């Protein structure tokens, strides 16, 4: 695990859509995470953790 991934995990805890954007760019995952974060914060955060760890 490098410092970039650790930084993305910290960002995923506070601003999940930004972490997904940093990991994947502006695609379907980022749009989905933005919707999840706006509706309910916890699922957006979990989705961001999953996306960051999957890379």
PDB file of N, CA and C in Angstrom:
ATOM      1  N   UNK A   1       0.850  -1.162   0.000  1.00  0.00           N
ATOM      2  CA  UNK A   1       0.000   0.000   0.000  1.00  0.00           C
ATOM      3  C   UNK A   1       0.907   1.240   0.000  1.00  0.00           C
ATOM      4  N   UNK A   2       0.744   2.072  -1.004  1.00  0.00           N
ATOM      5  CA  UNK A   2       1.585   3.254  -1.112  1.00  0.00           C
ATOM      6  C   UNK A   2       0.902   4.486  -0.515  1.00  0.00           C
ATOM      7  N   UNK A   3       1.622   5.587  -0.506  1.00  0.00           N
ATOM      8  CA  UNK A   3       1.097   6.794   0.141  1.00  0.00           C
ATOM      9  C   UNK A   3      -0.097   7.381  -0.617  1.00  0.00           C
ATOM     10  N   UNK A   4      -0.162   7.177  -1.931  1.00  0.00           N
ATOM     11  CA  UNK A   4      -1.300   7.683  -2.701  1.00  0.00           C
ATOM     12  C   UNK A   4      -2.589   6.979  -2.289  1.00  0.00           C
ATOM     13  N   UNK A   5      -2.523   5.678  -2.114  1.00  0.00           N
ATOM     14  CA  UNK A   5      -3.715   4.926  -1.716  1.00  0.00           C
ATOM     15  C   UNK A   5      -4.149   5.296  -0.301  1.00  0.00           C
ATOM     16  N   UNK A   6      -3.199   5.511   0.586  1.00  0.00           N
ATOM     17  CA  UNK A   6      -3.529   5.930   1.951  1.00  0.00           C
ATOM     18  C   UNK A   6      -4.200   7.304   1.922  1.00  0.00           C
ATOM     19  N   UNK A   7      -3.662   8.223   1.109  1.00  0.00           N
ATOM     20  CA  UNK A   7      -4.270   9.544   0.971  1.00  0.00           C
ATOM     21  C   UNK A   7      -5.685   9.434   0.410  1.00  0.00           C
ATOM     22  N   UNK A   8      -5.898   8.576  -0.584  1.00  0.00           N
ATOM     23  CA  UNK A   8      -7.230   8.390  -1.157  1.00  0.00           C
ATOM     24  C   UNK A   8      -8.201   7.798  -0.137  1.00  0.00           C
ATOM     25  N   UNK A   9      -7.731   6.907   0.718  1.00  0.00           N
ATOM     26  CA  UNK A   9      -8.602   6.351   1.757  1.00  0.00           C
ATOM     27  C   UNK A   9      -9.007   7.412   2.776  1.00  0.00           C
ATOM     28  N   UNK A  10      -8.093   8.304   3.099  1.00  0.00           N
ATOM     29  CA  UNK A  10      -8.434   9.395   4.010  1.00  0.00           C
ATOM     30  C   UNK A  10      -9.458  10.311   3.354  1.00  0.00           C
ATOM     31  N   UNK A  11      -9.250  10.623   2.088  1.00  0.00           N
ATOM     32  CA  UNK A  11     -10.204  11.452   1.343  1.00  0.00           C
ATOM     33  C   UNK A  11     -11.557  10.734   1.256  1.00  0.00           C
ATOM     34  N   UNK A  12     -11.553   9.411   1.067  1.00  0.00           N
ATOM     35  CA  UNK A  12     -12.794   8.642   0.961  1.00  0.00           C
ATOM     36  C   UNK A  12     -13.605   8.716   2.249  1.00  0.00           C
ATOM     37  N   UNK A  13     -12.937   8.889   3.362  1.00  0.00           N
ATOM     38  CA  UNK A  13     -13.655   8.996   4.631  1.00  0.00           C
ATOM     39  C   UNK A  13     -14.396  10.324   4.744  1.00  0.00           C
ATOM     40  N   UNK A  14     -13.794  11.401   4.238  1.00  0.00           N
ATOM     41  CA  UNK A  14     -14.388  12.730   4.386  1.00  0.00           C
ATOM     42  C   UNK A  14     -15.172  13.193   3.157  1.00  0.00           C
ATOM     43  N   UNK A  15     -14.642  12.952   1.957  1.00  0.00           N
ATOM     44  CA  UNK A  15     -15.271  13.403   0.706  1.00  0.00           C
ATOM     45  C   UNK A  15     -15.248  12.240  -0.287  1.00  0.00           C
ATOM     46  N   UNK A  16     -16.183  11.296  -0.174  1.00  0.00           N
ATOM     47  CA  UNK A  16     -16.154  10.093  -1.008  1.00  0.00           C
ATOM     48  C   UNK A  16     -16.134  10.335  -2.521  1.00  0.00           C
ATOM     49  N   UNK A  17     -16.937  11.246  -3.083  1.00  0.00           N
ATOM     50  CA  UNK A  17     -16.883  11.411  -4.544  1.00  0.00           C
ATOM     51  C   UNK A  17     -15.520  11.875  -5.054  1.00  0.00           C
ATOM     52  N   UNK A  18     -14.807  12.668  -4.271  1.00  0.00           N
ATOM     53  CA  UNK A  18     -13.486  13.112  -4.687  1.00  0.00           C
ATOM     54  C   UNK A  18     -12.506  11.942  -4.750  1.00  0.00           C
ATOM     55  N   UNK A  19     -12.594  11.031  -3.803  1.00  0.00           N
ATOM     56  CA  UNK A  19     -11.708   9.869  -3.801  1.00  0.00           C
ATOM     57  C   UNK A  19     -11.978   8.975  -5.013  1.00  0.00           C
ATOM     58  N   UNK A  20     -13.252   8.795  -5.347  1.00  0.00           N
ATOM     59  CA  UNK A  20     -13.589   7.980  -6.515  1.00  0.00           C
ATOM     60  C   UNK A  20     -13.135   8.686  -7.784  1.00  0.00           C
ATOM     61  N   UNK A  21     -13.276   9.985  -7.842  1.00  0.00           N
ATOM     62  CA  UNK A  21     -12.816  10.751  -9.003  1.00  0.00           C
ATOM     63  C   UNK A  21     -11.304  10.628  -9.168  1.00  0.00           C
ATOM     64  N   UNK A  22     -10.569  10.669  -8.053  1.00  0.00           N
ATOM     65  CA  UNK A  22      -9.115  10.532  -8.118  1.00  0.00           C
ATOM     66  C   UNK A  22      -8.710   9.137  -8.577  1.00  0.00           C
ATOM     67  N   UNK A  23      -9.486   8.125  -8.206  1.00  0.00           N
ATOM     68  CA  UNK A  23      -9.138   6.751  -8.556  1.00  0.00           C
ATOM     69  C   UNK A  23      -9.571   6.380  -9.972  1.00  0.00           C
ATOM     70  N   UNK A  24     -10.735   6.826 -10.415  1.00  0.00           N
ATOM     71  CA  UNK A  24     -11.301   6.367 -11.677  1.00  0.00           C
ATOM     72  C   UNK A  24     -11.615   7.446 -12.695  1.00  0.00           C
ATOM     73  N   UNK A  25     -11.627   8.705 -12.297  1.00  0.00           N
ATOM     74  CA  UNK A  25     -12.026   9.762 -13.213  1.00  0.00           C
ATOM     75  C   UNK A  25     -13.534   9.951 -13.178  1.00  0.00           C
ATOM     76  N   UNK A  26     -14.027  10.795 -14.085  1.00  0.00           N
ATOM     77  CA  UNK A  26     -15.449  11.136 -14.102  1.00  0.00           C
ATOM     78  C   UNK A  26     -16.189  10.119 -14.957  1.00  0.00           C
ATOM     79  N   UNK A  27     -16.595   9.013 -14.344  1.00  0.00           N
ATOM     80  CA  UNK A  27     -17.315   7.963 -15.051  1.00  0.00           C
ATOM     81  C   UNK A  27     -18.549   7.545 -14.276  1.00  0.00           C
ATOM     82  N   UNK A  28     -19.030   6.362 -14.602  1.00  0.00           N
ATOM     83  CA  UNK A  28     -20.241   5.838 -13.956  1.00  0.00           C
ATOM     84  C   UNK A  28     -20.059   5.677 -12.448  1.00  0.00           C
ATOM     85  N   UNK A  29     -18.867   5.194 -12.014  1.00  0.00           N
ATOM     86  CA  UNK A  29     -18.650   4.994 -10.584  1.00  0.00           C
ATOM     87  C   UNK A  29     -18.701   6.311  -9.822  1.00  0.00           C
ATOM     88  N   UNK A  30     -18.136   7.355 -10.413  1.00  0.00           N
ATOM     89  CA  UNK A  30     -18.127   8.653  -9.742  1.00  0.00           C
ATOM     90  C   UNK A  30     -19.541   9.224  -9.643  1.00  0.00           C
ATOM     91  N   UNK A  31     -20.311   9.095 -10.698  1.00  0.00           N
ATOM     92  CA  UNK A  31     -21.687   9.590 -10.678  1.00  0.00           C
ATOM     93  C   UNK A  31     -22.519   8.812  -9.655  1.00  0.00           C
ATOM     94  N   UNK A  32     -22.346   7.487  -9.616  1.00  0.00           N
ATOM     95  CA  UNK A  32     -23.056   6.663  -8.645  1.00  0.00           C
ATOM     96  C   UNK A  32     -22.669   7.054  -7.226  1.00  0.00           C
ATOM     97  N   UNK A  33     -21.375   7.271  -7.005  1.00  0.00           N
ATOM     98  CA  UNK A  33     -20.931   7.639  -5.668  1.00  0.00           C
ATOM     99  C   UNK A  33     -21.453   9.005  -5.263  1.00  0.00           C
ATOM    100  N   UNK A  34     -21.530   9.918  -6.181  1.00  0.00           N
ATOM    101  CA  UNK A  34     -22.080  11.237  -5.879  1.00  0.00           C
ATOM    102  C   UNK A  34     -23.541  11.131  -5.458  1.00  0.00           C
ATOM    103  N   UNK A  35     -24.314  10.310  -6.150  1.00  0.00           N
ATOM    104  CA  UNK A  35     -25.720  10.105  -5.796  1.00  0.00           C
ATOM    105  C   UNK A  35     -25.844   9.428  -4.429  1.00  0.00           C
ATOM    106  N   UNK A  36     -25.034   8.391  -4.199  1.00  0.00           N
ATOM    107  CA  UNK A  36     -25.078   7.707  -2.901  1.00  0.00           C
ATOM    108  C   UNK A  36     -24.697   8.636  -1.766  1.00  0.00           C
ATOM    109  N   UNK A  37     -23.714   9.481  -1.990  1.00  0.00           N
ATOM    110  CA  UNK A  37     -23.273  10.400  -0.939  1.00  0.00           C
ATOM    111  C   UNK A  37     -24.322  11.464  -0.654  1.00  0.00           C
ATOM    112  N   UNK A  38     -24.989  11.948  -1.692  1.00  0.00           N
ATOM    113  CA  UNK A  38     -26.020  12.966  -1.478  1.00  0.00           C
ATOM    114  C   UNK A  38     -27.219  12.374  -0.747  1.00  0.00           C
ATOM    115  N   UNK A  39     -27.635  11.177  -1.135  1.00  0.00           N
ATOM    116  CA  UNK A  39     -28.809  10.576  -0.502  1.00  0.00           C
ATOM    117  C   UNK A  39     -28.521  10.141   0.932  1.00  0.00           C
ATOM    118  N   UNK A  40     -27.502   9.310   1.085  1.00  0.00           N
ATOM    119  CA  UNK A  40     -27.131   8.795   2.410  1.00  0.00           C
ATOM    120  C   UNK A  40     -25.612   8.706   2.421  1.00  0.00           C
ATOM    121  N   UNK A  41     -24.942   9.312   3.383  1.00  0.00           N
ATOM    122  CA  UNK A  41     -23.490   9.446   3.367  1.00  0.00           C
ATOM    123  C   UNK A  41     -22.750   8.109   3.509  1.00  0.00           C
ATOM    124  N   UNK A  42     -23.189   7.233   4.387  1.00  0.00           N
ATOM    125  CA  UNK A  42     -22.454   5.995   4.698  1.00  0.00           C
ATOM    126  C   UNK A  42     -22.305   5.076   3.472  1.00  0.00           C
ATOM    127  N   UNK A  43     -23.356   4.805   2.694  1.00  0.00           N
ATOM    128  CA  UNK A  43     -23.152   3.976   1.500  1.00  0.00           C
ATOM    129  C   UNK A  43     -22.181   4.605   0.495  1.00  0.00           C
ATOM    130  N   UNK A  44     -22.184   5.914   0.377  1.00  0.00           N
ATOM    131  CA  UNK A  44     -21.230   6.586  -0.499  1.00  0.00           C
ATOM    132  C   UNK A  44     -19.805   6.391  -0.017  1.00  0.00           C
ATOM    133  N   UNK A  45     -19.620   6.449   1.289  1.00  0.00           N
ATOM    134  CA  UNK A  45     -18.295   6.251   1.853  1.00  0.00           C
ATOM    135  C   UNK A  45     -17.823   4.813   1.652  1.00  0.00           C
ATOM    136  N   UNK A  46     -18.698   3.847   1.884  1.00  0.00           N
ATOM    137  CA  UNK A  46     -18.334   2.443   1.688  1.00  0.00           C
ATOM    138  C   UNK A  46     -18.020   2.148   0.216  1.00  0.00           C
ATOM    139  N   UNK A  47     -18.800   2.721  -0.680  1.00  0.00           N
ATOM    140  CA  UNK A  47     -18.546   2.548  -2.113  1.00  0.00           C
ATOM    141  C   UNK A  47     -17.190   3.150  -2.491  1.00  0.00           C
ATOM    142  N   UNK A  48     -16.848   4.296  -1.931  1.00  0.00           N
ATOM    143  CA  UNK A  48     -15.555   4.919  -2.208  1.00  0.00           C
ATOM    144  C   UNK A  48     -14.409   4.054  -1.694  1.00  0.00           C
ATOM    145  N   UNK A  49     -14.554   3.499  -0.486  1.00  0.00           N
ATOM    146  CA  UNK A  49     -13.524   2.599   0.035  1.00  0.00           C
ATOM    147  C   UNK A  49     -13.333   1.403  -0.887  1.00  0.00           C
ATOM    148  N   UNK A  50     -14.432   0.862  -1.379  1.00  0.00           N
ATOM    149  CA  UNK A  50     -14.384  -0.304  -2.252  1.00  0.00           C
ATOM    150  C   UNK A  50     -13.673   0.024  -3.569  1.00  0.00           C
ATOM    151  N   UNK A  51     -13.989   1.160  -4.158  1.00  0.00           N
ATOM    152  CA  UNK A  51     -13.385   1.561  -5.427  1.00  0.00           C
ATOM    153  C   UNK A  51     -11.879   1.810  -5.241  1.00  0.00           C
ATOM    154  N   UNK A  52     -11.508   2.503  -4.178  1.00  0.00           N
ATOM    155  CA  UNK A  52     -10.101   2.814  -3.950  1.00  0.00           C
ATOM    156  C   UNK A  52      -9.307   1.536  -3.688  1.00  0.00           C
ATOM    157  N   UNK A  53      -9.855   0.622  -2.911  1.00  0.00           N
ATOM    158  CA  UNK A  53      -9.131  -0.612  -2.603  1.00  0.00           C
ATOM    159  C   UNK A  53      -9.080  -1.579  -3.780  1.00  0.00           C
ATOM    160  N   UNK A  54     -10.040  -1.476  -4.697  1.00  0.00           N
ATOM    161  CA  UNK A  54     -10.078  -2.370  -5.849  1.00  0.00           C
ATOM    162  C   UNK A  54      -8.959  -2.070  -6.836  1.00  0.00           C
ATOM    163  N   UNK A  55      -8.531  -0.827  -6.922  1.00  0.00           N
ATOM    164  CA  UNK A  55      -7.451  -0.464  -7.859  1.00  0.00           C
ATOM    165  C   UNK A  55      -6.116  -0.992  -7.407  1.00  0.00           C
TER     166      UNK A  55
END
